[in-house]
Amino acid sequence: MKAAVDPDRCIGCGVCEQICNTVFEMDDNLAKVKVETVPTDAEAGCQDAADACPVNAIAIIE
C-alpha cells in the first residue's frame, strides 16, 4: 500500500499526522508522505487518516 497527499487540496490541518505519524508529517504547513511504502502495521492508521481528512486530500494506492 502507498499513500499520496494532493498538495492542492491539503489545508494543513495536521489531522493525518496526529492519526498516523508513521506515514504523514507536516512540511511547510502541508502534509506529506514520509515513507515510500506504508508499513504493514501502519496500514489501518493510514486508512483512518485518509478517512479523517476533511478535504479528501489523501489517496490510498493499493
N, C-alpha and C. Protein backbone atom coordinates (compact mmCIF):
# COMPACT_ATOMS: atom_id res chain seq x y z
N MET A 1 0.84 -1.18 0.00
CA MET A 1 0.00 0.00 0.00
C MET A 1 0.88 1.24 0.00
N LYS A 2 0.43 2.24 -0.74
CA LYS A 2 1.10 3.53 -0.76
C LYS A 2 0.08 4.61 -0.47
N ALA A 3 0.55 5.75 -0.05
CA ALA A 3 -0.32 6.88 0.20
C ALA A 3 0.24 8.09 -0.53
N ALA A 4 -0.66 8.99 -0.89
CA ALA A 4 -0.25 10.23 -1.55
C ALA A 4 -1.12 11.37 -1.02
N VAL A 5 -0.51 12.54 -0.90
CA VAL A 5 -1.24 13.73 -0.46
C VAL A 5 -1.27 14.71 -1.63
N ASP A 6 -2.46 15.18 -1.97
CA ASP A 6 -2.61 16.19 -3.02
C ASP A 6 -2.35 17.56 -2.39
N PRO A 7 -1.22 18.18 -2.72
CA PRO A 7 -0.88 19.46 -2.09
C PRO A 7 -1.83 20.59 -2.47
N ASP A 8 -2.55 20.43 -3.57
CA ASP A 8 -3.51 21.46 -3.97
C ASP A 8 -4.79 21.39 -3.14
N ARG A 9 -5.05 20.25 -2.52
CA ARG A 9 -6.25 20.10 -1.69
C ARG A 9 -5.94 20.26 -0.20
N CYS A 10 -4.73 19.90 0.21
CA CYS A 10 -4.36 19.90 1.62
C CYS A 10 -4.50 21.31 2.21
N ILE A 11 -5.15 21.37 3.38
CA ILE A 11 -5.32 22.65 4.07
C ILE A 11 -4.40 22.78 5.29
N GLY A 12 -3.55 21.76 5.50
CA GLY A 12 -2.58 21.83 6.58
C GLY A 12 -3.14 21.68 7.98
N CYS A 13 -4.25 20.96 8.12
CA CYS A 13 -4.87 20.83 9.44
C CYS A 13 -4.09 19.91 10.38
N GLY A 14 -3.30 19.00 9.82
CA GLY A 14 -2.46 18.12 10.64
C GLY A 14 -3.15 16.89 11.20
N VAL A 15 -4.40 16.66 10.84
CA VAL A 15 -5.13 15.50 11.36
C VAL A 15 -4.44 14.20 10.96
N CYS A 16 -3.96 14.12 9.74
CA CYS A 16 -3.32 12.88 9.28
C CYS A 16 -2.07 12.57 10.10
N GLU A 17 -1.28 13.58 10.39
CA GLU A 17 -0.07 13.37 11.20
C GLU A 17 -0.44 12.95 12.62
N GLN A 18 -1.50 13.52 13.17
CA GLN A 18 -1.94 13.16 14.51
C GLN A 18 -2.40 11.70 14.56
N ILE A 19 -3.05 11.25 13.50
CA ILE A 19 -3.58 9.88 13.47
C ILE A 19 -2.50 8.87 13.12
N CYS A 20 -1.65 9.21 12.16
CA CYS A 20 -0.65 8.24 11.67
C CYS A 20 0.67 8.93 11.35
N ASN A 21 1.43 9.24 12.39
CA ASN A 21 2.70 9.94 12.18
C ASN A 21 3.81 9.02 11.65
N THR A 22 3.52 7.75 11.53
CA THR A 22 4.47 6.84 10.88
C THR A 22 4.53 7.14 9.39
N VAL A 23 3.42 7.58 8.83
CA VAL A 23 3.31 7.80 7.38
C VAL A 23 3.30 9.28 7.01
N PHE A 24 2.64 10.10 7.81
CA PHE A 24 2.45 11.51 7.44
C PHE A 24 3.23 12.45 8.35
N GLU A 25 3.68 13.56 7.76
CA GLU A 25 4.31 14.63 8.52
C GLU A 25 3.95 15.96 7.88
N MET A 26 4.06 17.00 8.66
CA MET A 26 3.77 18.34 8.14
C MET A 26 5.08 18.96 7.65
N ASP A 27 4.99 19.62 6.49
CA ASP A 27 6.14 20.26 5.87
C ASP A 27 5.65 21.56 5.25
N ASP A 28 6.13 22.68 5.74
CA ASP A 28 5.67 24.00 5.26
C ASP A 28 4.15 24.12 5.31
N ASN A 29 3.57 23.67 6.42
CA ASN A 29 2.13 23.77 6.66
C ASN A 29 1.28 22.93 5.72
N LEU A 30 1.88 21.95 5.06
CA LEU A 30 1.14 20.99 4.25
C LEU A 30 1.59 19.59 4.65
N ALA A 31 0.66 18.65 4.55
CA ALA A 31 1.01 17.27 4.87
C ALA A 31 1.80 16.66 3.73
N LYS A 32 2.67 15.73 4.08
CA LYS A 32 3.36 14.96 3.05
C LYS A 32 3.57 13.55 3.57
N VAL A 33 3.75 12.64 2.64
CA VAL A 33 4.00 11.24 2.97
C VAL A 33 5.51 11.10 3.16
N LYS A 34 5.90 10.47 4.26
CA LYS A 34 7.33 10.37 4.55
C LYS A 34 7.90 8.98 4.34
N VAL A 35 7.10 8.05 3.81
CA VAL A 35 7.59 6.70 3.51
C VAL A 35 7.20 6.32 2.09
N GLU A 36 8.03 5.54 1.43
CA GLU A 36 7.73 5.08 0.07
C GLU A 36 6.56 4.12 0.07
N THR A 37 6.63 3.14 0.97
CA THR A 37 5.57 2.14 1.11
C THR A 37 5.10 2.15 2.56
N VAL A 38 3.79 2.13 2.75
CA VAL A 38 3.23 2.14 4.10
C VAL A 38 3.55 0.82 4.79
N PRO A 39 4.18 0.85 5.97
CA PRO A 39 4.45 -0.39 6.70
C PRO A 39 3.15 -1.12 7.03
N THR A 40 3.19 -2.43 7.00
CA THR A 40 2.00 -3.24 7.23
C THR A 40 1.30 -2.86 8.53
N ASP A 41 2.07 -2.64 9.57
CA ASP A 41 1.46 -2.31 10.87
C ASP A 41 0.89 -0.90 10.93
N ALA A 42 1.10 -0.08 9.89
CA ALA A 42 0.56 1.27 9.86
C ALA A 42 -0.57 1.42 8.83
N GLU A 43 -0.92 0.34 8.14
CA GLU A 43 -1.94 0.43 7.10
C GLU A 43 -3.29 0.88 7.63
N ALA A 44 -3.73 0.34 8.76
CA ALA A 44 -5.03 0.72 9.32
C ALA A 44 -5.02 2.19 9.72
N GLY A 45 -3.96 2.65 10.35
CA GLY A 45 -3.85 4.06 10.74
C GLY A 45 -3.80 4.98 9.54
N CYS A 46 -3.13 4.54 8.50
CA CYS A 46 -3.05 5.32 7.27
C CYS A 46 -4.43 5.48 6.65
N GLN A 47 -5.19 4.39 6.62
CA GLN A 47 -6.55 4.45 6.09
C GLN A 47 -7.44 5.34 6.96
N ASP A 48 -7.26 5.25 8.28
CA ASP A 48 -8.02 6.11 9.19
C ASP A 48 -7.70 7.59 8.93
N ALA A 49 -6.43 7.88 8.68
CA ALA A 49 -6.04 9.26 8.39
C ALA A 49 -6.67 9.75 7.09
N ALA A 50 -6.68 8.90 6.09
CA ALA A 50 -7.30 9.26 4.81
C ALA A 50 -8.79 9.51 5.00
N ASP A 51 -9.44 8.65 5.77
CA ASP A 51 -10.88 8.79 6.02
C ASP A 51 -11.19 10.06 6.82
N ALA A 52 -10.26 10.47 7.68
CA ALA A 52 -10.48 11.63 8.54
C ALA A 52 -10.14 12.96 7.87
N CYS A 53 -9.45 12.92 6.76
CA CYS A 53 -9.05 14.16 6.08
C CYS A 53 -10.29 14.95 5.68
N PRO A 54 -10.43 16.17 6.17
CA PRO A 54 -11.65 16.94 5.91
C PRO A 54 -11.81 17.39 4.46
N VAL A 55 -10.74 17.35 3.68
CA VAL A 55 -10.81 17.80 2.29
C VAL A 55 -10.46 16.68 1.30
N ASN A 56 -10.40 15.45 1.80
CA ASN A 56 -10.10 14.28 0.94
C ASN A 56 -8.83 14.47 0.11
N ALA A 57 -7.77 14.94 0.78
CA ALA A 57 -6.51 15.18 0.10
C ALA A 57 -5.60 13.96 0.04
N ILE A 58 -5.98 12.89 0.75
CA ILE A 58 -5.13 11.70 0.82
C ILE A 58 -5.71 10.59 -0.05
N ALA A 59 -4.85 10.06 -0.91
CA ALA A 59 -5.22 8.92 -1.75
C ALA A 59 -4.47 7.70 -1.26
N ILE A 60 -5.17 6.58 -1.20
CA ILE A 60 -4.56 5.30 -0.85
C ILE A 60 -4.42 4.50 -2.15
N ILE A 61 -3.22 4.04 -2.41
CA ILE A 61 -2.93 3.29 -3.63
C ILE A 61 -2.57 1.87 -3.21
N GLU A 62 -3.37 0.93 -3.65
CA GLU A 62 -3.15 -0.48 -3.28
C GLU A 62 -2.02 -1.09 -4.08
